[in-house]
Amino acid sequence: MEIVKQLVRILLFLYLGYVVEYIFNIPIPSNVIGMIFLIIALLTGAFKLEKIEETVNFIIKYLAVFYIVPCVGLILYLDLLKEQFVIIVIPILLSIIAGLFVAGKTTELLIRRGTGKND
């Protein structure tokens, strides 16, 4: 029963994201807004990790299962993917490279900040 209470707590943040997106018409997905609220609540101490930890661990443990349905759905569009392969793959590769670059530079900055080195 505790896992259900924890799931409801997580879903309340998701719902809060939906409400904020609806009211302010923000061009960010509501689930991302809800996750931002959850992170802020956790970082500020307004919400304790222990209140959702069991459910979060369960979700992470079985995360791969959530990818099965979208992967099966891709099979329906194999012809389209073959036709548009270059148009799809080039932006994906560029975004992966950009993401790796930004993550690397951010990590580098945080490490420098933590050790006190400024090159």
PDB file of N, CA and C in Angstrom:
ATOM      1  N   MET A   1       0.819  -1.197   0.000  1.00  0.00           N
ATOM      2  CA  MET A   1       0.000   0.000   0.000  1.00  0.00           C
ATOM      3  C   MET A   1       0.865   1.264   0.000  1.00  0.00           C
ATOM      4  N   GLU A   2       2.041   1.168   0.587  1.00  0.00           N
ATOM      5  CA  GLU A   2       2.946   2.326   0.647  1.00  0.00           C
ATOM      6  C   GLU A   2       3.382   2.751  -0.747  1.00  0.00           C
ATOM      7  N   ILE A   3       3.607   1.767  -1.622  1.00  0.00           N
ATOM      8  CA  ILE A   3       4.052   2.089  -2.977  1.00  0.00           C
ATOM      9  C   ILE A   3       2.970   2.861  -3.742  1.00  0.00           C
ATOM     10  N   VAL A   4       1.710   2.583  -3.449  1.00  0.00           N
ATOM     11  CA  VAL A   4       0.611   3.316  -4.091  1.00  0.00           C
ATOM     12  C   VAL A   4       0.590   4.765  -3.604  1.00  0.00           C
ATOM     13  N   LYS A   5       0.797   4.972  -2.312  1.00  0.00           N
ATOM     14  CA  LYS A   5       0.850   6.336  -1.771  1.00  0.00           C
ATOM     15  C   LYS A   5       1.996   7.116  -2.405  1.00  0.00           C
ATOM     16  N   GLN A   6       3.138   6.459  -2.566  1.00  0.00           N
ATOM     17  CA  GLN A   6       4.292   7.115  -3.170  1.00  0.00           C
ATOM     18  C   GLN A   6       4.016   7.459  -4.627  1.00  0.00           C
ATOM     19  N   LEU A   7       3.373   6.549  -5.344  1.00  0.00           N
ATOM     20  CA  LEU A   7       3.031   6.804  -6.740  1.00  0.00           C
ATOM     21  C   LEU A   7       2.067   7.985  -6.854  1.00  0.00           C
ATOM     22  N   VAL A   8       1.101   8.068  -5.949  1.00  0.00           N
ATOM     23  CA  VAL A   8       0.165   9.193  -5.953  1.00  0.00           C
ATOM     24  C   VAL A   8       0.912  10.506  -5.726  1.00  0.00           C
ATOM     25  N   ARG A   9       1.912  10.501  -4.839  1.00  0.00           N
ATOM     26  CA  ARG A   9       2.701  11.716  -4.594  1.00  0.00           C
ATOM     27  C   ARG A   9       3.424  12.151  -5.875  1.00  0.00           C
ATOM     28  N   ILE A  10       3.997  11.188  -6.584  1.00  0.00           N
ATOM     29  CA  ILE A  10       4.693  11.507  -7.835  1.00  0.00           C
ATOM     30  C   ILE A  10       3.696  12.024  -8.872  1.00  0.00           C
ATOM     31  N   LEU A  11       2.541  11.379  -8.962  1.00  0.00           N
ATOM     32  CA  LEU A  11       1.527  11.782  -9.930  1.00  0.00           C
ATOM     33  C   LEU A  11       0.951  13.164  -9.617  1.00  0.00           C
ATOM     34  N   LEU A  12       0.964  13.564  -8.348  1.00  0.00           N
ATOM     35  CA  LEU A  12       0.513  14.909  -7.999  1.00  0.00           C
ATOM     36  C   LEU A  12       1.439  15.965  -8.604  1.00  0.00           C
ATOM     37  N   PHE A  13       2.731  15.689  -8.629  1.00  0.00           N
ATOM     38  CA  PHE A  13       3.651  16.623  -9.282  1.00  0.00           C
ATOM     39  C   PHE A  13       3.407  16.648 -10.789  1.00  0.00           C
ATOM     40  N   LEU A  14       3.102  15.487 -11.378  1.00  0.00           N
ATOM     41  CA  LEU A  14       2.761  15.437 -12.799  1.00  0.00           C
ATOM     42  C   LEU A  14       1.505  16.266 -13.064  1.00  0.00           C
ATOM     43  N   TYR A  15       0.513  16.111 -12.206  1.00  0.00           N
ATOM     44  CA  TYR A  15      -0.730  16.872 -12.357  1.00  0.00           C
ATOM     45  C   TYR A  15      -0.471  18.371 -12.217  1.00  0.00           C
ATOM     46  N   LEU A  16       0.376  18.753 -11.267  1.00  0.00           N
ATOM     47  CA  LEU A  16       0.744  20.153 -11.096  1.00  0.00           C
ATOM     48  C   LEU A  16       1.372  20.697 -12.385  1.00  0.00           C
ATOM     49  N   GLY A  17       2.194  19.872 -13.039  1.00  0.00           N
ATOM     50  CA  GLY A  17       2.783  20.270 -14.318  1.00  0.00           C
ATOM     51  C   GLY A  17       1.714  20.492 -15.378  1.00  0.00           C
ATOM     52  N   TYR A  18       0.708  19.610 -15.420  1.00  0.00           N
ATOM     53  CA  TYR A  18      -0.396  19.780 -16.371  1.00  0.00           C
ATOM     54  C   TYR A  18      -1.153  21.085 -16.108  1.00  0.00           C
ATOM     55  N   VAL A  19      -1.409  21.354 -14.849  1.00  0.00           N
ATOM     56  CA  VAL A  19      -2.157  22.570 -14.490  1.00  0.00           C
ATOM     57  C   VAL A  19      -1.371  23.814 -14.895  1.00  0.00           C
ATOM     58  N   VAL A  20      -0.092  23.844 -14.578  1.00  0.00           N
ATOM     59  CA  VAL A  20       0.741  25.006 -14.907  1.00  0.00           C
ATOM     60  C   VAL A  20       0.824  25.196 -16.420  1.00  0.00           C
ATOM     61  N   GLU A  21       1.005  24.098 -17.155  1.00  0.00           N
ATOM     62  CA  GLU A  21       1.063  24.205 -18.620  1.00  0.00           C
ATOM     63  C   GLU A  21      -0.261  24.732 -19.176  1.00  0.00           C
ATOM     64  N   TYR A  22      -1.358  24.244 -18.644  1.00  0.00           N
ATOM     65  CA  TYR A  22      -2.679  24.650 -19.130  1.00  0.00           C
ATOM     66  C   TYR A  22      -2.957  26.121 -18.826  1.00  0.00           C
ATOM     67  N   ILE A  23      -2.655  26.544 -17.603  1.00  0.00           N
ATOM     68  CA  ILE A  23      -2.961  27.917 -17.189  1.00  0.00           C
ATOM     69  C   ILE A  23      -2.069  28.936 -17.903  1.00  0.00           C
ATOM     70  N   PHE A  24      -0.764  28.645 -17.956  1.00  0.00           N
ATOM     71  CA  PHE A  24       0.177  29.624 -18.504  1.00  0.00           C
ATOM     72  C   PHE A  24       0.530  29.373 -19.968  1.00  0.00           C
ATOM     73  N   ASN A  25       0.005  28.293 -20.551  1.00  0.00           N
ATOM     74  CA  ASN A  25       0.244  27.956 -21.956  1.00  0.00           C
ATOM     75  C   ASN A  25       1.741  27.957 -22.289  1.00  0.00           C
ATOM     76  N   ILE A  26       2.514  27.273 -21.456  1.00  0.00           N
ATOM     77  CA  ILE A  26       3.965  27.194 -21.605  1.00  0.00           C
ATOM     78  C   ILE A  26       4.300  26.156 -22.671  1.00  0.00           C
ATOM     79  N   PRO A  27       5.258  26.432 -23.569  1.00  0.00           N
ATOM     80  CA  PRO A  27       5.591  25.467 -24.627  1.00  0.00           C
ATOM     81  C   PRO A  27       6.551  24.368 -24.165  1.00  0.00           C
ATOM     82  N   ILE A  28       6.437  23.957 -22.918  1.00  0.00           N
ATOM     83  CA  ILE A  28       7.246  22.869 -22.353  1.00  0.00           C
ATOM     84  C   ILE A  28       6.273  21.764 -21.976  1.00  0.00           C
ATOM     85  N   PRO A  29       6.619  20.500 -22.248  1.00  0.00           N
ATOM     86  CA  PRO A  29       5.702  19.412 -21.889  1.00  0.00           C
ATOM     87  C   PRO A  29       5.388  19.420 -20.387  1.00  0.00           C
ATOM     88  N   SER A  30       4.158  19.121 -20.066  1.00  0.00           N
ATOM     89  CA  SER A  30       3.708  19.186 -18.675  1.00  0.00           C
ATOM     90  C   SER A  30       4.457  18.200 -17.777  1.00  0.00           C
ATOM     91  N   ASN A  31       4.841  17.047 -18.326  1.00  0.00           N
ATOM     92  CA  ASN A  31       5.572  16.090 -17.495  1.00  0.00           C
ATOM     93  C   ASN A  31       6.956  16.633 -17.122  1.00  0.00           C
ATOM     94  N   VAL A  32       7.558  17.419 -18.002  1.00  0.00           N
ATOM     95  CA  VAL A  32       8.847  18.045 -17.698  1.00  0.00           C
ATOM     96  C   VAL A  32       8.657  19.117 -16.625  1.00  0.00           C
ATOM     97  N   ILE A  33       7.597  19.890 -16.722  1.00  0.00           N
ATOM     98  CA  ILE A  33       7.313  20.910 -15.718  1.00  0.00           C
ATOM     99  C   ILE A  33       7.099  20.257 -14.356  1.00  0.00           C
ATOM    100  N   GLY A  34       6.325  19.182 -14.337  1.00  0.00           N
ATOM    101  CA  GLY A  34       6.095  18.461 -13.086  1.00  0.00           C
ATOM    102  C   GLY A  34       7.385  17.913 -12.499  1.00  0.00           C
ATOM    103  N   MET A  35       8.261  17.408 -13.347  1.00  0.00           N
ATOM    104  CA  MET A  35       9.545  16.882 -12.884  1.00  0.00           C
ATOM    105  C   MET A  35      10.414  18.009 -12.317  1.00  0.00           C
ATOM    106  N   ILE A  36      10.361  19.175 -12.953  1.00  0.00           N
ATOM    107  CA  ILE A  36      11.108  20.330 -12.436  1.00  0.00           C
ATOM    108  C   ILE A  36      10.591  20.702 -11.049  1.00  0.00           C
ATOM    109  N   PHE A  37       9.276  20.710 -10.874  1.00  0.00           N
ATOM    110  CA  PHE A  37       8.708  20.998  -9.557  1.00  0.00           C
ATOM    111  C   PHE A  37       9.152  19.965  -8.524  1.00  0.00           C
ATOM    112  N   LEU A  38       9.175  18.698  -8.929  1.00  0.00           N
ATOM    113  CA  LEU A  38       9.604  17.641  -8.017  1.00  0.00           C
ATOM    114  C   LEU A  38      11.064  17.827  -7.620  1.00  0.00           C
ATOM    115  N   ILE A  39      11.914  18.133  -8.583  1.00  0.00           N
ATOM    116  CA  ILE A  39      13.334  18.351  -8.291  1.00  0.00           C
ATOM    117  C   ILE A  39      13.514  19.550  -7.369  1.00  0.00           C
ATOM    118  N   ILE A  40      12.801  20.632  -7.638  1.00  0.00           N
ATOM    119  CA  ILE A  40      12.894  21.814  -6.775  1.00  0.00           C
ATOM    120  C   ILE A  40      12.444  21.478  -5.357  1.00  0.00           C
ATOM    121  N   ALA A  41      11.351  20.741  -5.242  1.00  0.00           N
ATOM    122  CA  ALA A  41      10.848  20.359  -3.919  1.00  0.00           C
ATOM    123  C   ALA A  41      11.859  19.479  -3.180  1.00  0.00           C
ATOM    124  N   LEU A  42      12.515  18.578  -3.898  1.00  0.00           N
ATOM    125  CA  LEU A  42      13.515  17.717  -3.275  1.00  0.00           C
ATOM    126  C   LEU A  42      14.759  18.505  -2.873  1.00  0.00           C
ATOM    127  N   LEU A  43      15.209  19.408  -3.746  1.00  0.00           N
ATOM    128  CA  LEU A  43      16.419  20.176  -3.461  1.00  0.00           C
ATOM    129  C   LEU A  43      16.232  21.175  -2.321  1.00  0.00           C
ATOM    130  N   THR A  44      15.047  21.738  -2.224  1.00  0.00           N
ATOM    131  CA  THR A  44      14.795  22.712  -1.162  1.00  0.00           C
ATOM    132  C   THR A  44      14.442  22.056   0.165  1.00  0.00           C
ATOM    133  N   GLY A  45      14.180  20.767   0.140  1.00  0.00           N
ATOM    134  CA  GLY A  45      13.820  20.072   1.373  1.00  0.00           C
ATOM    135  C   GLY A  45      12.337  20.140   1.680  1.00  0.00           C
ATOM    136  N   ALA A  46      11.554  20.744   0.800  1.00  0.00           N
ATOM    137  CA  ALA A  46      10.107  20.816   0.999  1.00  0.00           C
ATOM    138  C   ALA A  46       9.465  19.440   0.869  1.00  0.00           C
ATOM    139  N   PHE A  47      10.159  18.544   0.209  1.00  0.00           N
ATOM    140  CA  PHE A  47       9.648  17.191  -0.032  1.00  0.00           C
ATOM    141  C   PHE A  47      10.807  16.230   0.200  1.00  0.00           C
ATOM    142  N   LYS A  48      10.597  15.220   0.971  1.00  0.00           N
ATOM    143  CA  LYS A  48      11.665  14.273   1.319  1.00  0.00           C
ATOM    144  C   LYS A  48      11.699  13.107   0.332  1.00  0.00           C
ATOM    145  N   LEU A  49      12.906  12.703  -0.028  1.00  0.00           N
ATOM    146  CA  LEU A  49      13.086  11.592  -0.963  1.00  0.00           C
ATOM    147  C   LEU A  49      12.481  10.302  -0.420  1.00  0.00           C
ATOM    148  N   GLU A  50      12.524  10.125   0.878  1.00  0.00           N
ATOM    149  CA  GLU A  50      11.990   8.901   1.493  1.00  0.00           C
ATOM    150  C   GLU A  50      10.509   8.704   1.187  1.00  0.00           C
ATOM    151  N   LYS A  51       9.811   9.791   0.867  1.00  0.00           N
ATOM    152  CA  LYS A  51       8.375   9.704   0.592  1.00  0.00           C
ATOM    153  C   LYS A  51       8.071   9.083  -0.773  1.00  0.00           C
ATOM    154  N   ILE A  52       9.087   8.972  -1.642  1.00  0.00           N
ATOM    155  CA  ILE A  52       8.859   8.403  -2.973  1.00  0.00           C
ATOM    156  C   ILE A  52       9.939   7.391  -3.372  1.00  0.00           C
ATOM    157  N   GLU A  53      10.901   7.149  -2.511  1.00  0.00           N
ATOM    158  CA  GLU A  53      12.085   6.363  -2.868  1.00  0.00           C
ATOM    159  C   GLU A  53      11.768   4.940  -3.337  1.00  0.00           C
ATOM    160  N   GLU A  54      10.876   4.262  -2.663  1.00  0.00           N
ATOM    161  CA  GLU A  54      10.552   2.875  -3.021  1.00  0.00           C
ATOM    162  C   GLU A  54       9.947   2.788  -4.426  1.00  0.00           C
ATOM    163  N   THR A  55       9.035   3.696  -4.729  1.00  0.00           N
ATOM    164  CA  THR A  55       8.399   3.713  -6.047  1.00  0.00           C
ATOM    165  C   THR A  55       9.389   4.087  -7.133  1.00  0.00           C
ATOM    166  N   VAL A  56      10.242   5.076  -6.858  1.00  0.00           N
ATOM    167  CA  VAL A  56      11.236   5.502  -7.837  1.00  0.00           C
ATOM    168  C   VAL A  56      12.194   4.352  -8.157  1.00  0.00           C
ATOM    169  N   ASN A  57      12.635   3.635  -7.131  1.00  0.00           N
ATOM    170  CA  ASN A  57      13.526   2.488  -7.353  1.00  0.00           C
ATOM    171  C   ASN A  57      12.837   1.404  -8.180  1.00  0.00           C
ATOM    172  N   PHE A  58      11.547   1.192  -7.928  1.00  0.00           N
ATOM    173  CA  PHE A  58      10.779   0.213  -8.698  1.00  0.00           C
ATOM    174  C   PHE A  58      10.697   0.629 -10.165  1.00  0.00           C
ATOM    175  N   ILE A  59      10.404   1.901 -10.408  1.00  0.00           N
ATOM    176  CA  ILE A  59      10.288   2.395 -11.782  1.00  0.00           C
ATOM    177  C   ILE A  59      11.620   2.272 -12.509  1.00  0.00           C
ATOM    178  N   ILE A  60      12.700   2.649 -11.851  1.00  0.00           N
ATOM    179  CA  ILE A  60      14.025   2.566 -12.477  1.00  0.00           C
ATOM    180  C   ILE A  60      14.396   1.108 -12.765  1.00  0.00           C
ATOM    181  N   LYS A  61      14.050   0.220 -11.849  1.00  0.00           N
ATOM    182  CA  LYS A  61      14.377  -1.203 -12.019  1.00  0.00           C
ATOM    183  C   LYS A  61      13.722  -1.776 -13.284  1.00  0.00           C
ATOM    184  N   TYR A  62      12.507  -1.352 -13.568  1.00  0.00           N
ATOM    185  CA  TYR A  62      11.769  -1.896 -14.707  1.00  0.00           C
ATOM    186  C   TYR A  62      11.621  -0.896 -15.852  1.00  0.00           C
ATOM    187  N   LEU A  63      12.512   0.073 -15.924  1.00  0.00           N
ATOM    188  CA  LEU A  63      12.426   1.119 -16.937  1.00  0.00           C
ATOM    189  C   LEU A  63      12.481   0.566 -18.362  1.00  0.00           C
ATOM    190  N   ALA A  64      13.267  -0.458 -18.586  1.00  0.00           N
ATOM    191  CA  ALA A  64      13.391  -1.030 -19.934  1.00  0.00           C
ATOM    192  C   ALA A  64      12.052  -1.528 -20.472  1.00  0.00           C
ATOM    193  N   VAL A  65      11.183  -1.987 -19.597  1.00  0.00           N
ATOM    194  CA  VAL A  65       9.870  -2.484 -20.025  1.00  0.00           C
ATOM    195  C   VAL A  65       9.056  -1.368 -20.672  1.00  0.00           C
ATOM    196  N   PHE A  66       9.243  -0.139 -20.213  1.00  0.00           N
ATOM    197  CA  PHE A  66       8.479   0.987 -20.756  1.00  0.00           C
ATOM    198  C   PHE A  66       8.889   1.338 -22.186  1.00  0.00           C
ATOM    199  N   TYR A  67      10.012   0.822 -22.652  1.00  0.00           N
ATOM    200  CA  TYR A  67      10.474   1.106 -24.012  1.00  0.00           C
ATOM    201  C   TYR A  67       9.996   0.062 -25.020  1.00  0.00           C
ATOM    202  N   ILE A  68       9.432  -1.016 -24.555  1.00  0.00           N
ATOM    203  CA  ILE A  68       8.998  -2.089 -25.459  1.00  0.00           C
ATOM    204  C   ILE A  68       7.900  -1.599 -26.393  1.00  0.00           C
ATOM    205  N   VAL A  69       6.889  -0.943 -25.870  1.00  0.00           N
ATOM    206  CA  VAL A  69       5.755  -0.496 -26.691  1.00  0.00           C
ATOM    207  C   VAL A  69       6.194   0.491 -27.771  1.00  0.00           C
ATOM    208  N   PRO A  70       6.977   1.528 -27.445  1.00  0.00           N
ATOM    209  CA  PRO A  70       7.419   2.421 -28.524  1.00  0.00           C
ATOM    210  C   PRO A  70       8.282   1.717 -29.566  1.00  0.00           C
ATOM    211  N   CYS A  71       9.107   0.781 -29.137  1.00  0.00           N
ATOM    212  CA  CYS A  71       9.949   0.054 -30.092  1.00  0.00           C
ATOM    213  C   CYS A  71       9.110  -0.805 -31.024  1.00  0.00           C
ATOM    214  N   VAL A  72       8.096  -1.440 -30.493  1.00  0.00           N
ATOM    215  CA  VAL A  72       7.199  -2.229 -31.332  1.00  0.00           C
ATOM    216  C   VAL A  72       6.447  -1.307 -32.287  1.00  0.00           C
ATOM    217  N   GLY A  73       6.073  -0.116 -31.814  1.00  0.00           N
ATOM    218  CA  GLY A  73       5.391   0.851 -32.665  1.00  0.00           C
ATOM    219  C   GLY A  73       6.255   1.302 -33.831  1.00  0.00           C
ATOM    220  N   LEU A  74       7.578   1.356 -33.627  1.00  0.00           N
ATOM    221  CA  LEU A  74       8.480   1.739 -34.718  1.00  0.00           C
ATOM    222  C   LEU A  74       8.437   0.741 -35.868  1.00  0.00           C
ATOM    223  N   ILE A  75       8.183  -0.502 -35.557  1.00  0.00           N
ATOM    224  CA  ILE A  75       8.127  -1.535 -36.587  1.00  0.00           C
ATOM    225  C   ILE A  75       7.028  -1.208 -37.610  1.00  0.00           C
ATOM    226  N   LEU A  76       5.959  -0.587 -37.159  1.00  0.00           N
ATOM    227  CA  LEU A  76       4.871  -0.220 -38.066  1.00  0.00           C
ATOM    228  C   LEU A  76       5.311   0.799 -39.105  1.00  0.00           C
ATOM    229  N   TYR A  77       6.340   1.576 -38.796  1.00  0.00           N
ATOM    230  CA  TYR A  77       6.774   2.658 -39.670  1.00  0.00           C
ATOM    231  C   TYR A  77       8.135   2.390 -40.299  1.00  0.00           C
ATOM    232  N   LEU A  78       8.522   1.145 -40.464  1.00  0.00           N
ATOM    233  CA  LEU A  78       9.826   0.830 -41.045  1.00  0.00           C
ATOM    234  C   LEU A  78       9.984   1.378 -42.455  1.00  0.00           C
ATOM    235  N   ASP A  79       8.924   1.311 -43.261  1.00  0.00           N
ATOM    236  CA  ASP A  79       9.006   1.842 -44.635  1.00  0.00           C
ATOM    237  C   ASP A  79       9.296   3.343 -44.625  1.00  0.00           C
ATOM    238  N   LEU A  80       8.605   4.070 -43.775  1.00  0.00           N
ATOM    239  CA  LEU A  80       8.831   5.510 -43.658  1.00  0.00           C
ATOM    240  C   LEU A  80      10.249   5.789 -43.152  1.00  0.00           C
ATOM    241  N   LEU A  81      10.700   5.006 -42.194  1.00  0.00           N
ATOM    242  CA  LEU A  81      12.050   5.188 -41.666  1.00  0.00           C
ATOM    243  C   LEU A  81      13.111   4.921 -42.729  1.00  0.00           C
ATOM    244  N   LYS A  82      12.871   3.930 -43.575  1.00  0.00           N
ATOM    245  CA  LYS A  82      13.815   3.645 -44.664  1.00  0.00           C
ATOM    246  C   LYS A  82      13.873   4.809 -45.656  1.00  0.00           C
ATOM    247  N   GLU A  83      12.704   5.362 -45.989  1.00  0.00           N
ATOM    248  CA  GLU A  83      12.643   6.469 -46.946  1.00  0.00           C
ATOM    249  C   GLU A  83      13.303   7.738 -46.407  1.00  0.00           C
ATOM    250  N   GLN A  84      13.107   8.003 -45.142  1.00  0.00           N
ATOM    251  CA  GLN A  84      13.556   9.255 -44.530  1.00  0.00           C
ATOM    252  C   GLN A  84      14.774   9.053 -43.623  1.00  0.00           C
ATOM    253  N   PHE A  85      15.555   8.000 -43.841  1.00  0.00           N
ATOM    254  CA  PHE A  85      16.647   7.626 -42.939  1.00  0.00           C
ATOM    255  C   PHE A  85      17.638   8.761 -42.709  1.00  0.00           C
ATOM    256  N   VAL A  86      18.138   9.355 -43.772  1.00  0.00           N
ATOM    257  CA  VAL A  86      19.147  10.411 -43.643  1.00  0.00           C
ATOM    258  C   VAL A  86      18.552  11.626 -42.929  1.00  0.00           C
ATOM    259  N   ILE A  87      17.324  11.981 -43.275  1.00  0.00           N
ATOM    260  CA  ILE A  87      16.666  13.143 -42.676  1.00  0.00           C
ATOM    261  C   ILE A  87      16.440  12.925 -41.175  1.00  0.00           C
ATOM    262  N   ILE A  88      16.274  11.685 -40.777  1.00  0.00           N
ATOM    263  CA  ILE A  88      16.051  11.368 -39.366  1.00  0.00           C
ATOM    264  C   ILE A  88      17.374  11.207 -38.623  1.00  0.00           C
ATOM    265  N   VAL A  89      18.331  10.516 -39.220  1.00  0.00           N
ATOM    266  CA  VAL A  89      19.567  10.150 -38.519  1.00  0.00           C
ATOM    267  C   VAL A  89      20.499  11.344 -38.308  1.00  0.00           C
ATOM    268  N   ILE A  90      20.638  12.225 -39.298  1.00  0.00           N
ATOM    269  CA  ILE A  90      21.580  13.352 -39.166  1.00  0.00           C
ATOM    270  C   ILE A  90      21.209  14.258 -37.979  1.00  0.00           C
ATOM    271  N   PRO A  91      19.957  14.695 -37.828  1.00  0.00           N
ATOM    272  CA  PRO A  91      19.632  15.514 -36.646  1.00  0.00           C
ATOM    273  C   PRO A  91      19.833  14.764 -35.323  1.00  0.00           C
ATOM    274  N   ILE A  92      19.549  13.470 -35.326  1.00  0.00           N
ATOM    275  CA  ILE A  92      19.757  12.690 -34.100  1.00  0.00           C
ATOM    276  C   ILE A  92      21.232  12.656 -33.744  1.00  0.00           C
ATOM    277  N   LEU A  93      22.084  12.377 -34.712  1.00  0.00           N
ATOM    278  CA  LEU A  93      23.523  12.336 -34.443  1.00  0.00           C
ATOM    279  C   LEU A  93      24.049  13.706 -34.008  1.00  0.00           C
ATOM    280  N   LEU A  94      23.601  14.767 -34.670  1.00  0.00           N
ATOM    281  CA  LEU A  94      24.037  16.112 -34.288  1.00  0.00           C
ATOM    282  C   LEU A  94      23.586  16.463 -32.865  1.00  0.00           C
ATOM    283  N   SER A  95      22.374  16.077 -32.516  1.00  0.00           N
ATOM    284  CA  SER A  95      21.890  16.385 -31.166  1.00  0.00           C
ATOM    285  C   SER A  95      22.626  15.553 -30.118  1.00  0.00           C
ATOM    286  N   ILE A  96      22.998  14.326 -30.437  1.00  0.00           N
ATOM    287  CA  ILE A  96      23.782  13.509 -29.509  1.00  0.00           C
ATOM    288  C   ILE A  96      25.153  14.139 -29.291  1.00  0.00           C
ATOM    289  N   ILE A  97      25.791  14.553 -30.367  1.00  0.00           N
ATOM    290  CA  ILE A  97      27.111  15.188 -30.263  1.00  0.00           C
ATOM    291  C   ILE A  97      27.017  16.485 -29.461  1.00  0.00           C
ATOM    292  N   ALA A  98      26.003  17.292 -29.752  1.00  0.00           N
ATOM    293  CA  ALA A  98      25.826  18.545 -29.004  1.00  0.00           C
ATOM    294  C   ALA A  98      25.557  18.268 -27.528  1.00  0.00           C
ATOM    295  N   GLY A  99      24.738  17.280 -27.248  1.00  0.00           N
ATOM    296  CA  GLY A  99      24.442  16.919 -25.857  1.00  0.00           C
ATOM    297  C   GLY A  99      25.672  16.441 -25.112  1.00  0.00           C
ATOM    298  N   LEU A 100      26.477  15.607 -25.774  1.00  0.00           N
ATOM    299  CA  LEU A 100      27.720  15.143 -25.152  1.00  0.00           C
ATOM    300  C   LEU A 100      28.673  16.301 -24.895  1.00  0.00           C
ATOM    301  N   PHE A 101      28.777  17.215 -25.844  1.00  0.00           N
ATOM    302  CA  PHE A 101      29.653  18.371 -25.688  1.00  0.00           C
ATOM    303  C   PHE A 101      29.211  19.241 -24.505  1.00  0.00           C
ATOM    304  N   VAL A 102      27.921  19.551 -24.452  1.00  0.00           N
ATOM    305  CA  VAL A 102      27.404  20.391 -23.368  1.00  0.00           C
ATOM    306  C   VAL A 102      27.563  19.684 -22.019  1.00  0.00           C
ATOM    307  N   ALA A 103      27.272  18.390 -21.969  1.00  0.00           N
ATOM    308  CA  ALA A 103      27.428  17.646 -20.713  1.00  0.00           C
ATOM    309  C   ALA A 103      28.887  17.623 -20.283  1.00  0.00           C
ATOM    310  N   GLY A 104      29.795  17.423 -21.226  1.00  0.00           N
ATOM    311  CA  GLY A 104      31.222  17.400 -20.907  1.00  0.00           C
ATOM    312  C   GLY A 104      31.715  18.739 -20.388  1.00  0.00           C
ATOM    313  N   LYS A 105      31.335  19.818 -21.065  1.00  0.00           N
ATOM    314  CA  LYS A 105      31.755  21.151 -20.635  1.00  0.00           C
ATOM    315  C   LYS A 105      31.148  21.517 -19.278  1.00  0.00           C
ATOM    316  N   THR A 106      29.909  21.121 -19.058  1.00  0.00           N
ATOM    317  CA  THR A 106      29.270  21.387 -17.766  1.00  0.00           C
ATOM    318  C   THR A 106      29.974  20.625 -16.652  1.00  0.00           C
ATOM    319  N   THR A 107      30.287  19.362 -16.907  1.00  0.00           N
ATOM    320  CA  THR A 107      31.004  18.558 -15.920  1.00  0.00           C
ATOM    321  C   THR A 107      32.378  19.151 -15.650  1.00  0.00           C
ATOM    322  N   GLU A 108      33.057  19.549 -16.702  1.00  0.00           N
ATOM    323  CA  GLU A 108      34.376  20.172 -16.560  1.00  0.00           C
ATOM    324  C   GLU A 108      34.291  21.429 -15.702  1.00  0.00           C
ATOM    325  N   LEU A 109      33.297  22.256 -15.951  1.00  0.00           N
ATOM    326  CA  LEU A 109      33.106  23.481 -15.183  1.00  0.00           C
ATOM    327  C   LEU A 109      32.833  23.176 -13.713  1.00  0.00           C
ATOM    328  N   LEU A 110      31.979  22.197 -13.453  1.00  0.00           N
ATOM    329  CA  LEU A 110      31.649  21.851 -12.075  1.00  0.00           C
ATOM    330  C   LEU A 110      32.849  21.264 -11.339  1.00  0.00           C
ATOM    331  N   ILE A 111      33.660  20.471 -12.044  1.00  0.00           N
ATOM    332  CA  ILE A 111      34.859  19.910 -11.418  1.00  0.00           C
ATOM    333  C   ILE A 111      35.835  21.025 -11.075  1.00  0.00           C
ATOM    334  N   ARG A 112      36.042  21.945 -12.006  1.00  0.00           N
ATOM    335  CA  ARG A 112      36.932  23.087 -11.740  1.00  0.00           C
ATOM    336  C   ARG A 112      36.429  23.916 -10.569  1.00  0.00           C
ATOM    337  N   ARG A 113      35.147  24.139 -10.555  1.00  0.00           N
ATOM    338  CA  ARG A 113      34.557  24.932  -9.476  1.00  0.00           C
ATOM    339  C   ARG A 113      34.745  24.243  -8.116  1.00  0.00           C
ATOM    340  N   GLY A 114      34.605  22.915  -8.125  1.00  0.00           N
ATOM    341  CA  GLY A 114      34.755  22.148  -6.883  1.00  0.00           C
ATOM    342  C   GLY A 114      36.183  22.094  -6.371  1.00  0.00           C
ATOM    343  N   THR A 115      37.167  22.050  -7.270  1.00  0.00           N
ATOM    344  CA  THR A 115      38.571  21.968  -6.858  1.00  0.00           C
ATOM    345  C   THR A 115      39.208  23.343  -6.707  1.00  0.00           C
ATOM    346  N   GLY A 116      38.542  24.361  -7.199  1.00  0.00           N
ATOM    347  CA  GLY A 116      39.076  25.720  -7.079  1.00  0.00           C
ATOM    348  C   GLY A 116      40.036  26.093  -8.189  1.00  0.00           C
ATOM    349  N   LYS A 117      40.216  25.242  -9.202  1.00  0.00           N
ATOM    350  CA  LYS A 117      41.096  25.540 -10.334  1.00  0.00           C
ATOM    351  C   LYS A 117      40.344  26.356 -11.359  1.00  0.00           C
ATOM    352  N   ASN A 118      40.970  27.384 -11.829  1.00  0.00           N
ATOM    353  CA  ASN A 118      40.415  28.167 -12.934  1.00  0.00           C
ATOM    354  C   ASN A 118      41.508  28.339 -13.970  1.00  0.00           C
ATOM    355  N   ASP A 119      41.493  27.532 -15.016  1.00  0.00           N
ATOM    356  CA  ASP A 119      42.529  27.572 -16.056  1.00  0.00           C
ATOM    357  C   ASP A 119      42.239  28.660 -17.045  1.00  0.00           C
TER     358      ASP A 119
END
